Amino acid sequence: MINYLYQEKNWQSQLNDLISDPDELLALLNLSASELKSQQLLSQHAHQQFKLRVPRQFVTKMQTGNAYDPLFLQVFPHHLEMQDMDKQIKAGFSADPLGELEANTLPGMLHKYQSRILMTITGACAIHCRYCFRRHFPYQENLPKSKDWQAIAQYILDHPKINEIILSGGDPLSVSNEKLALWINRFEELPQIKTIRLHTRLPVVIPQRIDEDLIKILSTTRCKIIMVVHSNHGNELDANFDVAMRKLSEINVILFNQSVLLKGINDNFQTLTQLSYRLFDARVLPYYLHVLDKVQGASHFLITDAEAQTIYQALLKELSGYLVPKLVRESSGELHKTPLNIF
């Protein structure tokens, strides 16, 4: 492991001090002579298509000298992303696997499910996960601006069954506290909105993001706040994450986690069992276990439904029910996530 001291650094300085050069990451992990370099050209193409972006604090959790470290594999531009693109397309992999462009009713707003809308309030993330289903999403064309607010508010009023807002992106916690508070204040002024949910990976990769100003914002809104963090492997979680989750729990934020089943990273019940226990220690309940969204460039992460079902059956035997996430698939055009038949 690489040793860095982050306790005294605020989240903004960490967010501005990211590794974006694949060679730098390889050098830090003593992997410059690994087999990854034999496919350097294709890896460079993958990097150009979807840039490497990873916080240094997250890199400290990776094992040096291990090209198969589960955290490293989630972020490093891999040559397999660029191989057999025609084959990927024939297998159903696309740039918009969830049909989000069709659901993009207004700038920054996706309305797929009856009672809730999703807002992409930013295109920025602290970390670029190679399996991201929005890696091709045209954020710049869809970011909501102040002038769009009246249309968004009117749309919500015209659809009285909408009672929940999902703040997403990008990562909604990559924006400033002031901007986040502005969005929360706007939505809580609409009486029909009862719940605001934040989907975020920042508390995992930069736990210091849960600062006192954010705690104040989340503790003073009238809306119920849910935070869904995103962790795929227990090695991602540390004592700083525990502190962040405790702060949120103490102000009654409901805490869930969602994971993605990824070949070579967490495609076994032992890893997922350990993750569930580790999350529960940090006051977080496992929520969703997604099968891979078929986004172009991520086919090497795919496991079969049969493999997913076998893993899930083992989880059911191993864990108490409250520690077992729902095994689901999200499909374009569907009005809800689809549970996988596990038998």
Protein backbone atom coordinates (compact mmCIF):
# COMPACT_ATOMS: atom_id res chain seq x y z
CA MET A 1 0.00 0.00 0.00
CA ILE A 2 1.06 3.61 -0.62
CA ASN A 3 1.15 5.84 2.41
CA TYR A 4 -0.29 9.35 2.18
CA LEU A 5 -1.72 11.57 4.90
CA TYR A 6 -5.13 12.91 4.01
CA GLN A 7 -6.69 13.70 7.36
CA GLU A 8 -5.68 17.37 7.16
CA LYS A 9 -6.63 17.87 3.50
CA ASN A 10 -10.08 19.18 2.70
CA TRP A 11 -12.16 17.52 0.06
CA GLN A 12 -11.75 20.34 -2.46
CA SER A 13 -7.96 20.03 -2.48
CA GLN A 14 -8.25 16.27 -2.90
CA LEU A 15 -10.72 16.69 -5.73
CA ASN A 16 -8.24 18.97 -7.48
CA ASP A 17 -5.34 16.57 -6.95
CA LEU A 18 -6.39 13.58 -9.03
CA ILE A 19 -4.32 11.13 -11.04
CA SER A 20 -5.21 11.51 -14.71
CA ASP A 21 -2.10 10.03 -16.34
CA PRO A 22 -2.10 6.23 -16.76
CA ASP A 23 1.70 6.11 -16.66
CA GLU A 24 1.72 7.92 -13.32
CA LEU A 25 -0.71 5.42 -11.86
CA LEU A 26 1.34 2.48 -13.14
CA ALA A 27 4.51 3.98 -11.70
CA LEU A 28 2.91 4.60 -8.30
CA LEU A 29 1.81 0.97 -8.15
CA ASN A 30 5.09 -0.43 -9.50
CA LEU A 31 3.28 -1.77 -12.54
CA SER A 32 5.19 -0.01 -15.30
CA ALA A 33 6.75 -3.32 -16.42
CA SER A 34 3.52 -5.31 -16.20
CA GLU A 35 1.76 -7.11 -19.01
CA LEU A 36 -0.55 -4.13 -19.29
CA LYS A 37 2.17 -2.28 -21.20
CA SER A 38 2.14 -4.90 -23.94
CA GLN A 39 -1.24 -3.51 -24.99
CA GLN A 40 -0.23 0.10 -24.45
CA LEU A 41 -1.64 1.48 -27.71
CA LEU A 42 -5.14 0.15 -27.13
CA SER A 43 -4.99 1.29 -23.49
CA GLN A 44 -4.11 4.79 -24.68
CA HIS A 45 -7.11 4.75 -27.02
CA ALA A 46 -9.33 3.68 -24.12
CA HIS A 47 -7.91 6.53 -22.03
CA GLN A 48 -8.59 9.05 -24.80
CA GLN A 49 -12.17 7.86 -25.13
CA PHE A 50 -12.85 7.93 -21.38
CA LYS A 51 -10.15 9.64 -19.35
CA LEU A 52 -8.51 8.09 -16.32
CA ARG A 53 -9.57 9.98 -13.21
CA VAL A 54 -8.89 8.66 -9.71
CA PRO A 55 -8.27 10.37 -6.33
CA ARG A 56 -4.89 9.70 -4.76
CA GLN A 57 -6.57 8.65 -1.52
CA PHE A 58 -8.33 5.84 -3.39
CA VAL A 59 -5.02 4.76 -4.93
CA THR A 60 -3.55 4.29 -1.45
CA LYS A 61 -5.97 1.39 -0.99
CA MET A 62 -4.59 -0.47 -4.02
CA GLN A 63 -1.97 -3.17 -3.65
CA THR A 64 1.33 -2.26 -5.25
CA GLY A 65 2.73 -4.71 -7.77
CA ASN A 66 -0.66 -6.35 -8.33
CA ALA A 67 -2.08 -5.81 -11.83
CA TYR A 68 -5.22 -7.66 -10.72
CA ASP A 69 -5.99 -5.50 -7.69
CA PRO A 70 -9.80 -5.13 -7.67
CA LEU A 71 -9.67 -1.36 -7.15
CA PHE A 72 -7.06 -0.82 -9.87
CA LEU A 73 -9.07 -2.80 -12.40
CA GLN A 74 -12.10 -0.57 -11.84
CA VAL A 75 -10.30 2.60 -12.95
CA PHE A 76 -7.39 1.77 -15.28
CA PRO A 77 -8.04 2.18 -19.05
CA HIS A 78 -7.78 -1.38 -20.27
CA HIS A 79 -6.99 -2.52 -23.80
CA LEU A 80 -10.03 -4.83 -23.71
CA GLU A 81 -12.28 -1.77 -23.81
CA MET A 82 -11.29 -1.19 -27.42
CA GLN A 83 -11.23 -4.77 -28.65
CA ASP A 84 -13.96 -6.39 -30.74
CA MET A 85 -16.17 -3.29 -30.81
CA ASP A 86 -18.33 -4.82 -33.54
CA LYS A 87 -18.76 -7.91 -31.41
CA GLN A 88 -19.74 -5.73 -28.43
CA ILE A 89 -22.41 -3.99 -30.49
CA LYS A 90 -23.79 -7.31 -31.75
CA ALA A 91 -23.96 -8.51 -28.13
CA GLY A 92 -26.15 -5.54 -27.22
CA PHE A 93 -23.54 -3.14 -25.84
CA SER A 94 -24.36 0.47 -26.70
CA ALA A 95 -23.50 4.06 -25.86
CA ASP A 96 -26.89 4.51 -24.13
CA PRO A 97 -27.70 1.12 -22.59
CA LEU A 98 -30.53 2.41 -20.39
CA GLY A 99 -32.25 4.57 -23.01
CA GLU A 100 -31.67 7.68 -20.93
CA LEU A 101 -31.58 10.09 -23.86
CA GLU A 102 -35.18 9.20 -24.64
CA ALA A 103 -36.14 9.85 -21.00
CA ASN A 104 -34.25 13.16 -20.97
CA THR A 105 -37.46 15.20 -20.84
CA LEU A 106 -35.83 18.55 -19.97
CA PRO A 107 -32.19 19.62 -19.63
CA GLY A 108 -30.72 17.69 -16.69
CA MET A 109 -33.93 15.81 -15.97
CA LEU A 110 -34.66 12.12 -16.59
CA HIS A 111 -38.18 10.81 -15.96
CA LYS A 112 -38.23 7.03 -16.25
CA TYR A 113 -40.13 5.94 -13.16
CA GLN A 114 -43.57 7.18 -12.15
CA SER A 115 -42.94 8.63 -8.68
CA ARG A 116 -39.47 10.07 -9.09
CA ILE A 117 -37.25 12.05 -11.40
CA LEU A 118 -33.48 11.96 -11.68
CA MET A 119 -31.46 15.16 -12.02
CA THR A 120 -28.00 15.12 -13.60
CA ILE A 121 -26.88 18.33 -11.90
CA THR A 122 -23.26 17.86 -12.96
CA GLY A 123 -21.19 15.81 -15.37
CA ALA A 124 -18.22 15.73 -13.00
CA CYS A 125 -17.09 12.74 -10.94
CA ALA A 126 -14.19 12.32 -8.54
CA ILE A 127 -13.47 8.98 -10.14
CA HIS A 128 -14.08 7.48 -13.57
CA CYS A 129 -15.23 3.88 -13.20
CA ARG A 130 -14.57 1.97 -16.43
CA TYR A 131 -17.97 0.25 -16.30
CA CYS A 132 -19.92 3.52 -15.94
CA PHE A 133 -23.17 3.33 -17.91
CA ARG A 134 -22.99 7.10 -18.50
CA ARG A 135 -19.44 7.13 -19.86
CA HIS A 136 -20.83 8.27 -23.25
CA PHE A 137 -23.57 10.54 -21.88
CA PRO A 138 -23.62 14.06 -23.47
CA TYR A 139 -23.50 15.98 -20.20
CA GLN A 140 -22.67 19.37 -21.65
CA GLU A 141 -25.85 19.31 -23.73
CA ASN A 142 -28.00 18.34 -20.75
CA LEU A 143 -26.77 20.22 -17.69
CA PRO A 144 -29.64 22.25 -16.21
CA LYS A 145 -29.17 26.00 -15.98
CA SER A 146 -30.94 28.53 -13.79
CA LYS A 147 -33.19 29.49 -16.68
CA ASP A 148 -34.43 25.87 -16.84
CA TRP A 149 -35.72 25.78 -13.27
CA GLN A 150 -39.20 27.13 -13.96
CA ALA A 151 -39.79 24.50 -16.64
CA ILE A 152 -38.52 21.73 -14.31
CA ALA A 153 -40.74 22.93 -11.45
CA GLN A 154 -43.77 23.17 -13.74
CA TYR A 155 -43.14 19.66 -15.06
CA ILE A 156 -43.13 18.32 -11.49
CA LEU A 157 -46.32 20.21 -10.65
CA ASP A 158 -47.94 18.79 -13.77
CA HIS A 159 -47.06 15.27 -12.58
CA PRO A 160 -48.43 15.10 -9.01
CA LYS A 161 -47.31 11.47 -8.54
CA ILE A 162 -43.68 12.64 -8.48
CA ASN A 163 -42.70 12.77 -4.80
CA GLU A 164 -38.98 11.98 -4.88
CA ILE A 165 -35.95 13.65 -6.46
CA ILE A 166 -32.76 11.70 -7.21
CA LEU A 167 -29.69 13.92 -7.43
CA SER A 168 -27.14 12.25 -9.67
CA GLY A 169 -24.67 13.12 -12.39
CA GLY A 170 -21.77 12.74 -12.61
CA ASP A 171 -21.63 12.84 -8.86
CA PRO A 172 -23.88 15.35 -7.07
CA LEU A 173 -21.38 15.67 -4.21
CA SER A 174 -18.70 16.91 -6.60
CA VAL A 175 -20.49 20.28 -6.70
CA SER A 176 -20.01 22.92 -4.01
CA ASN A 177 -22.13 22.94 -0.88
CA GLU A 178 -23.64 26.23 -2.05
CA LYS A 179 -24.80 24.77 -5.36
CA LEU A 180 -26.09 21.60 -3.71
CA ALA A 181 -28.04 23.66 -1.16
CA LEU A 182 -29.56 25.68 -4.01
CA TRP A 183 -30.93 22.54 -5.66
CA ILE A 184 -32.23 21.09 -2.39
CA ASN A 185 -33.92 24.39 -1.49
CA ARG A 186 -35.60 24.55 -4.87
CA PHE A 187 -37.07 21.08 -4.57
CA GLU A 188 -38.17 21.37 -0.97
CA GLU A 189 -40.27 24.40 -1.93
CA LEU A 190 -42.48 22.06 -3.94
CA PRO A 191 -44.92 20.58 -1.39
CA GLN A 192 -45.33 17.27 -3.25
CA ILE A 193 -41.61 16.44 -2.88
CA LYS A 194 -41.11 14.30 0.23
CA THR A 195 -37.72 12.67 -0.36
CA ILE A 196 -34.40 13.74 -1.85
CA ARG A 197 -31.99 10.96 -2.70
CA LEU A 198 -28.31 11.42 -3.51
CA HIS A 199 -26.43 8.78 -5.51
CA THR A 200 -22.73 9.27 -4.90
CA ARG A 201 -19.34 7.59 -4.88
CA LEU A 202 -17.54 10.52 -3.24
CA PRO A 203 -17.90 9.35 0.38
CA VAL A 204 -16.10 6.15 -0.68
CA VAL A 205 -13.25 7.75 -2.62
CA ILE A 206 -12.94 11.06 -0.69
CA PRO A 207 -14.74 10.56 2.65
CA GLN A 208 -13.81 14.08 3.79
CA ARG A 209 -16.51 15.31 1.40
CA ILE A 210 -18.94 14.80 4.29
CA ASP A 211 -17.93 18.07 5.94
CA GLU A 212 -19.72 20.18 8.51
CA ASP A 213 -21.31 22.48 5.95
CA LEU A 214 -22.83 19.52 4.11
CA ILE A 215 -24.09 18.06 7.39
CA LYS A 216 -25.82 21.35 8.14
CA ILE A 217 -27.49 21.41 4.71
CA LEU A 218 -28.76 17.85 4.99
CA SER A 219 -29.93 18.24 8.59
CA THR A 220 -32.02 21.36 8.02
CA THR A 221 -34.13 20.41 5.01
CA ARG A 222 -37.73 19.35 5.60
CA CYS A 223 -37.31 16.53 3.09
CA LYS A 224 -36.27 13.03 4.05
CA ILE A 225 -32.68 12.51 2.87
CA ILE A 226 -31.45 9.20 1.48
CA MET A 227 -27.85 8.69 0.43
CA VAL A 228 -26.95 5.75 -1.79
CA VAL A 229 -23.20 5.27 -1.84
CA HIS A 230 -21.47 3.08 -4.39
CA SER A 231 -18.92 0.50 -3.30
CA ASN A 232 -18.09 -2.76 -5.07
CA HIS A 233 -15.40 -4.18 -2.80
CA GLY A 234 -14.63 -4.07 0.91
CA ASN A 235 -11.09 -2.82 0.23
CA GLU A 236 -12.60 0.50 -0.82
CA LEU A 237 -13.82 1.24 2.70
CA ASP A 238 -11.67 2.58 5.53
CA ALA A 239 -11.90 4.38 8.88
CA ASN A 240 -12.51 7.73 7.16
CA PHE A 241 -15.54 6.23 5.43
CA ASP A 242 -16.82 5.02 8.81
CA VAL A 243 -16.51 8.53 10.26
CA ALA A 244 -18.39 10.02 7.30
CA MET A 245 -21.23 7.50 7.58
CA ARG A 246 -21.50 8.03 11.32
CA LYS A 247 -21.91 11.79 10.80
CA LEU A 248 -24.70 11.19 8.31
CA SER A 249 -26.40 8.55 10.44
CA GLU A 250 -26.44 10.90 13.43
CA ILE A 251 -28.56 13.40 11.48
CA ASN A 252 -30.92 10.61 10.36
CA VAL A 253 -29.79 10.33 6.76
CA ILE A 254 -30.83 6.88 5.52
CA LEU A 255 -27.77 5.09 4.14
CA PHE A 256 -27.75 2.46 1.42
CA ASN A 257 -25.13 1.00 -0.91
CA GLN A 258 -25.35 -0.18 -4.48
CA SER A 259 -22.80 -2.40 -6.22
CA VAL A 260 -22.24 -3.70 -9.71
CA LEU A 261 -21.31 -7.33 -10.36
CA LEU A 262 -17.94 -7.13 -12.12
CA LYS A 263 -15.90 -9.98 -13.54
CA GLY A 264 -12.53 -10.28 -11.84
CA ILE A 265 -13.46 -7.80 -9.12
CA ASN A 266 -16.35 -9.05 -7.00
CA ASP A 267 -17.82 -11.99 -8.91
CA ASN A 268 -17.79 -14.37 -5.95
CA PHE A 269 -19.95 -14.64 -2.87
CA GLN A 270 -17.03 -14.37 -0.45
CA THR A 271 -16.12 -10.86 -1.63
CA LEU A 272 -19.74 -9.72 -1.60
CA THR A 273 -20.33 -11.27 1.82
CA GLN A 274 -17.37 -9.37 3.23
CA LEU A 275 -18.63 -6.18 1.60
CA SER A 276 -22.08 -6.54 3.17
CA TYR A 277 -20.61 -7.04 6.64
CA ARG A 278 -18.18 -4.15 6.16
CA LEU A 279 -20.97 -1.82 5.03
CA PHE A 280 -23.16 -2.80 7.98
CA ASP A 281 -20.29 -2.03 10.35
CA ALA A 282 -20.37 1.49 8.88
CA ARG A 283 -24.18 1.79 9.33
CA VAL A 284 -24.91 1.27 5.62
CA LEU A 285 -27.42 -1.28 4.32
CA PRO A 286 -26.80 -3.17 1.05
CA TYR A 287 -29.47 -2.01 -1.39
CA TYR A 288 -28.85 -3.07 -4.98
CA LEU A 289 -26.54 -5.54 -6.68
CA HIS A 290 -26.70 -4.64 -10.36
CA VAL A 291 -25.82 -6.91 -13.20
CA LEU A 292 -23.65 -4.98 -15.63
CA ASP A 293 -25.30 -2.35 -17.79
CA LYS A 294 -24.22 -3.10 -21.35
CA VAL A 295 -22.30 0.06 -22.09
CA GLN A 296 -19.74 0.03 -24.90
CA GLY A 297 -16.25 -0.46 -23.52
CA ALA A 298 -17.25 -2.54 -20.51
CA SER A 299 -17.90 -5.97 -22.00
CA HIS A 300 -14.86 -7.50 -20.25
CA PHE A 301 -16.62 -6.95 -16.90
CA LEU A 302 -19.67 -9.00 -17.87
CA ILE A 303 -20.63 -12.22 -16.12
CA THR A 304 -23.53 -14.39 -17.23
CA ASP A 305 -26.93 -14.37 -15.57
CA ALA A 306 -26.34 -17.98 -14.54
CA GLU A 307 -23.13 -16.97 -12.77
CA ALA A 308 -24.92 -14.08 -11.07
CA GLN A 309 -27.69 -16.39 -9.91
CA THR A 310 -25.21 -18.88 -8.44
CA ILE A 311 -23.42 -16.11 -6.54
CA TYR A 312 -26.69 -14.72 -5.27
CA GLN A 313 -27.97 -18.08 -4.05
CA ALA A 314 -24.77 -18.42 -2.01
CA LEU A 315 -25.33 -14.95 -0.54
CA LEU A 316 -28.84 -15.92 0.52
CA LYS A 317 -27.46 -18.94 2.36
CA GLU A 318 -24.62 -16.99 3.97
CA LEU A 319 -26.21 -13.71 5.05
CA SER A 320 -29.14 -12.49 7.08
CA GLY A 321 -31.84 -11.09 4.84
CA TYR A 322 -31.15 -7.45 5.71
CA LEU A 323 -27.57 -7.85 4.46
CA VAL A 324 -28.56 -9.22 1.03
CA PRO A 325 -28.88 -6.57 -1.70
CA LYS A 326 -31.53 -6.95 -4.40
CA LEU A 327 -30.14 -8.55 -7.55
CA VAL A 328 -31.51 -6.43 -10.38
CA ARG A 329 -31.15 -5.41 -13.99
CA GLU A 330 -32.06 -2.00 -15.36
CA SER A 331 -33.36 -2.12 -18.91
CA SER A 332 -34.17 0.54 -21.44
CA GLY A 333 -37.88 1.32 -21.61
CA GLU A 334 -38.85 -0.59 -18.47
CA LEU A 335 -40.89 1.22 -15.81
CA HIS A 336 -38.92 -0.31 -12.95
CA LYS A 337 -35.74 -2.26 -12.23
CA THR A 338 -36.16 -5.95 -12.94
CA PRO A 339 -35.23 -8.51 -10.26
CA LEU A 340 -33.36 -11.48 -11.67
CA ASN A 341 -35.00 -14.84 -11.26
CA ILE A 342 -32.55 -16.54 -8.90
CA PHE A 343 -33.81 -20.09 -9.36
